[in-house]
Amino acid sequence: MRPDGTKPVDIAIPIYGYKSHVSIDRMHGVIRRQIVTDASRHDGARLREGLIHPANTARDVWAESAYRSAENER
């Protein structure tokens, strides 16, 4: 507390975020797999970490552009 009774304002408070990467079955509305990472991790690598099951090739993958890469396109 300051001598005049006011409180100082903290300008830089570190806040750590997380991302939730979810694979769902659109037809049945069921979550198939989920990966939670810290916010600094690159989104595109999550597909190769088991978010998408490689045997499930009968359906399209819908993802935002952060997941697009030549390796993920294969």
N, C-alpha and C. Protein backbone atom coordinates (compact mmCIF):
# COMPACT_ATOMS: atom_id res chain seq x y z
N MET A 1 0.86 -1.17 0.00
CA MET A 1 0.00 0.00 0.00
C MET A 1 0.90 1.23 0.00
N ARG A 2 0.50 2.24 -0.75
CA ARG A 2 1.27 3.49 -0.83
C ARG A 2 0.89 4.39 0.35
N PRO A 3 1.74 5.37 0.63
CA PRO A 3 1.44 6.29 1.74
C PRO A 3 0.09 7.02 1.60
N ASP A 4 -0.35 7.24 0.32
CA ASP A 4 -1.63 7.94 0.13
C ASP A 4 -2.83 6.99 0.21
N GLY A 5 -2.59 5.70 0.48
CA GLY A 5 -3.68 4.74 0.65
C GLY A 5 -4.05 3.97 -0.61
N THR A 6 -3.45 4.30 -1.74
CA THR A 6 -3.76 3.57 -2.97
C THR A 6 -2.85 2.36 -3.12
N LYS A 7 -3.32 1.40 -3.90
CA LYS A 7 -2.54 0.20 -4.17
C LYS A 7 -1.83 0.35 -5.52
N PRO A 8 -0.58 -0.11 -5.62
CA PRO A 8 0.09 -0.09 -6.92
C PRO A 8 -0.56 -1.10 -7.86
N VAL A 9 -0.54 -0.82 -9.14
CA VAL A 9 -1.12 -1.70 -10.15
C VAL A 9 0.00 -2.55 -10.75
N ASP A 10 -0.20 -3.87 -10.75
CA ASP A 10 0.75 -4.77 -11.39
C ASP A 10 0.48 -4.76 -12.89
N ILE A 11 1.47 -4.37 -13.66
CA ILE A 11 1.29 -4.29 -15.12
C ILE A 11 1.65 -5.61 -15.78
N ALA A 12 2.73 -6.24 -15.38
CA ALA A 12 3.19 -7.46 -16.04
C ALA A 12 3.04 -8.66 -15.10
N ILE A 13 1.91 -9.28 -15.17
CA ILE A 13 1.67 -10.49 -14.39
C ILE A 13 1.74 -11.66 -15.35
N PRO A 14 2.68 -12.58 -15.16
CA PRO A 14 2.77 -13.70 -16.09
C PRO A 14 1.55 -14.63 -15.98
N ILE A 15 1.00 -14.95 -17.13
CA ILE A 15 -0.15 -15.85 -17.20
C ILE A 15 0.21 -16.97 -18.16
N TYR A 16 0.01 -18.18 -17.73
CA TYR A 16 0.35 -19.32 -18.56
C TYR A 16 -0.93 -19.95 -19.08
N GLY A 17 -0.97 -20.19 -20.39
CA GLY A 17 -2.17 -20.75 -21.00
C GLY A 17 -1.97 -22.16 -21.48
N TYR A 18 -3.07 -22.80 -21.76
CA TYR A 18 -3.07 -24.16 -22.25
C TYR A 18 -3.95 -24.25 -23.48
N LYS A 19 -3.69 -25.25 -24.33
CA LYS A 19 -4.51 -25.52 -25.49
C LYS A 19 -5.07 -26.93 -25.36
N SER A 20 -6.30 -27.08 -25.78
CA SER A 20 -6.92 -28.40 -25.82
C SER A 20 -7.13 -28.76 -27.28
N HIS A 21 -6.53 -29.85 -27.73
CA HIS A 21 -6.65 -30.35 -29.09
C HIS A 21 -7.57 -31.57 -29.03
N VAL A 22 -8.68 -31.52 -29.76
CA VAL A 22 -9.70 -32.55 -29.62
C VAL A 22 -10.02 -33.17 -30.97
N SER A 23 -10.09 -34.48 -31.01
CA SER A 23 -10.51 -35.23 -32.19
C SER A 23 -11.90 -35.78 -31.89
N ILE A 24 -12.87 -35.42 -32.74
CA ILE A 24 -14.24 -35.88 -32.49
C ILE A 24 -14.76 -36.67 -33.68
N ASP A 25 -15.76 -37.47 -33.42
CA ASP A 25 -16.51 -38.16 -34.45
C ASP A 25 -17.73 -37.29 -34.71
N ARG A 26 -17.73 -36.58 -35.84
CA ARG A 26 -18.82 -35.64 -36.13
C ARG A 26 -20.16 -36.34 -36.26
N MET A 27 -20.17 -37.55 -36.81
CA MET A 27 -21.43 -38.25 -37.04
C MET A 27 -22.11 -38.58 -35.71
N HIS A 28 -21.34 -39.02 -34.73
CA HIS A 28 -21.92 -39.45 -33.46
C HIS A 28 -21.72 -38.43 -32.33
N GLY A 29 -20.93 -37.38 -32.56
CA GLY A 29 -20.72 -36.36 -31.55
C GLY A 29 -19.92 -36.84 -30.35
N VAL A 30 -18.99 -37.76 -30.57
CA VAL A 30 -18.21 -38.35 -29.50
C VAL A 30 -16.76 -37.87 -29.59
N ILE A 31 -16.19 -37.50 -28.44
CA ILE A 31 -14.77 -37.15 -28.41
C ILE A 31 -13.98 -38.45 -28.49
N ARG A 32 -13.11 -38.55 -29.51
CA ARG A 32 -12.32 -39.77 -29.69
C ARG A 32 -11.00 -39.68 -28.94
N ARG A 33 -10.32 -38.55 -29.07
CA ARG A 33 -9.03 -38.34 -28.40
C ARG A 33 -8.87 -36.88 -28.06
N GLN A 34 -8.06 -36.61 -27.02
CA GLN A 34 -7.80 -35.24 -26.60
C GLN A 34 -6.36 -35.14 -26.11
N ILE A 35 -5.71 -34.04 -26.49
CA ILE A 35 -4.37 -33.74 -26.01
C ILE A 35 -4.39 -32.33 -25.46
N VAL A 36 -3.87 -32.13 -24.26
CA VAL A 36 -3.76 -30.80 -23.67
C VAL A 36 -2.29 -30.45 -23.59
N THR A 37 -1.93 -29.27 -24.14
CA THR A 37 -0.54 -28.82 -24.14
C THR A 37 -0.46 -27.41 -23.61
N ASP A 38 0.75 -26.98 -23.30
CA ASP A 38 0.92 -25.57 -22.95
C ASP A 38 0.77 -24.75 -24.24
N ALA A 39 0.42 -23.50 -24.10
CA ALA A 39 0.06 -22.66 -25.24
C ALA A 39 1.22 -22.38 -26.20
N SER A 40 2.45 -22.61 -25.77
CA SER A 40 3.59 -22.31 -26.64
C SER A 40 3.88 -23.41 -27.65
N ARG A 41 3.26 -24.57 -27.52
CA ARG A 41 3.52 -25.69 -28.43
C ARG A 41 2.84 -25.46 -29.77
N HIS A 42 3.49 -25.87 -30.85
CA HIS A 42 2.94 -25.70 -32.21
C HIS A 42 1.78 -26.67 -32.44
N ASP A 43 0.68 -26.16 -32.97
CA ASP A 43 -0.52 -26.96 -33.16
C ASP A 43 -0.32 -28.13 -34.12
N GLY A 44 0.36 -27.90 -35.23
CA GLY A 44 0.46 -28.90 -36.29
C GLY A 44 1.06 -30.23 -35.87
N ALA A 45 1.97 -30.22 -34.94
CA ALA A 45 2.61 -31.47 -34.51
C ALA A 45 1.67 -32.36 -33.71
N ARG A 46 0.57 -31.85 -33.21
CA ARG A 46 -0.34 -32.65 -32.39
C ARG A 46 -1.00 -33.76 -33.21
N LEU A 47 -1.22 -33.53 -34.51
CA LEU A 47 -1.82 -34.58 -35.33
C LEU A 47 -0.95 -35.82 -35.36
N ARG A 48 0.36 -35.62 -35.38
CA ARG A 48 1.29 -36.74 -35.44
C ARG A 48 1.57 -37.34 -34.07
N GLU A 49 1.03 -36.77 -33.02
CA GLU A 49 1.21 -37.30 -31.66
C GLU A 49 0.03 -38.17 -31.24
N GLY A 50 -0.75 -38.63 -32.19
CA GLY A 50 -1.84 -39.54 -31.87
C GLY A 50 -3.21 -38.90 -31.78
N LEU A 51 -3.34 -37.63 -32.14
CA LEU A 51 -4.66 -37.01 -32.09
C LEU A 51 -5.58 -37.64 -33.14
N ILE A 52 -5.04 -37.95 -34.30
CA ILE A 52 -5.79 -38.62 -35.35
C ILE A 52 -5.30 -40.06 -35.44
N HIS A 53 -6.21 -41.01 -35.37
CA HIS A 53 -5.82 -42.42 -35.47
C HIS A 53 -5.56 -42.74 -36.94
N PRO A 54 -4.38 -43.25 -37.29
CA PRO A 54 -4.04 -43.49 -38.69
C PRO A 54 -4.93 -44.52 -39.38
N ALA A 55 -5.55 -45.43 -38.65
CA ALA A 55 -6.43 -46.42 -39.26
C ALA A 55 -7.80 -45.84 -39.62
N ASN A 56 -8.13 -44.66 -39.11
CA ASN A 56 -9.41 -44.02 -39.38
C ASN A 56 -9.26 -43.14 -40.62
N THR A 57 -9.20 -43.75 -41.79
CA THR A 57 -8.96 -43.00 -43.02
C THR A 57 -10.22 -42.79 -43.84
N ALA A 58 -11.37 -43.22 -43.36
CA ALA A 58 -12.60 -43.13 -44.12
C ALA A 58 -13.24 -41.74 -44.05
N ARG A 59 -12.74 -40.87 -43.22
CA ARG A 59 -13.35 -39.55 -43.04
C ARG A 59 -12.34 -38.44 -43.32
N ASP A 60 -12.86 -37.27 -43.67
CA ASP A 60 -12.01 -36.09 -43.86
C ASP A 60 -11.58 -35.55 -42.52
N VAL A 61 -10.47 -34.82 -42.52
CA VAL A 61 -9.99 -34.14 -41.33
C VAL A 61 -10.30 -32.66 -41.49
N TRP A 62 -11.02 -32.11 -40.53
CA TRP A 62 -11.34 -30.69 -40.51
C TRP A 62 -10.50 -30.06 -39.41
N ALA A 63 -9.65 -29.12 -39.80
CA ALA A 63 -8.77 -28.47 -38.83
C ALA A 63 -8.48 -27.06 -39.29
N GLU A 64 -8.11 -26.20 -38.36
CA GLU A 64 -7.75 -24.83 -38.74
C GLU A 64 -6.39 -24.84 -39.43
N SER A 65 -6.03 -23.73 -40.05
CA SER A 65 -4.82 -23.66 -40.86
C SER A 65 -3.53 -23.86 -40.06
N ALA A 66 -3.57 -23.72 -38.75
CA ALA A 66 -2.36 -23.94 -37.94
C ALA A 66 -1.90 -25.39 -38.01
N TYR A 67 -2.80 -26.31 -38.36
CA TYR A 67 -2.46 -27.72 -38.45
C TYR A 67 -1.94 -28.10 -39.85
N ARG A 68 -1.98 -27.19 -40.79
CA ARG A 68 -1.60 -27.50 -42.17
C ARG A 68 -0.08 -27.52 -42.31
N SER A 69 0.42 -28.60 -42.88
CA SER A 69 1.82 -28.73 -43.23
C SER A 69 1.93 -29.84 -44.27
N ALA A 70 3.06 -29.91 -44.96
CA ALA A 70 3.23 -30.97 -45.96
C ALA A 70 3.17 -32.34 -45.30
N GLU A 71 3.74 -32.48 -44.12
CA GLU A 71 3.72 -33.77 -43.43
C GLU A 71 2.31 -34.16 -43.00
N ASN A 72 1.52 -33.20 -42.52
CA ASN A 72 0.15 -33.51 -42.12
C ASN A 72 -0.74 -33.79 -43.32
N GLU A 73 -0.45 -33.19 -44.46
CA GLU A 73 -1.24 -33.44 -45.67
C GLU A 73 -1.08 -34.89 -46.12
N ARG A 74 0.11 -35.47 -45.91
CA ARG A 74 0.32 -36.88 -46.27
C ARG A 74 -0.55 -37.74 -45.37
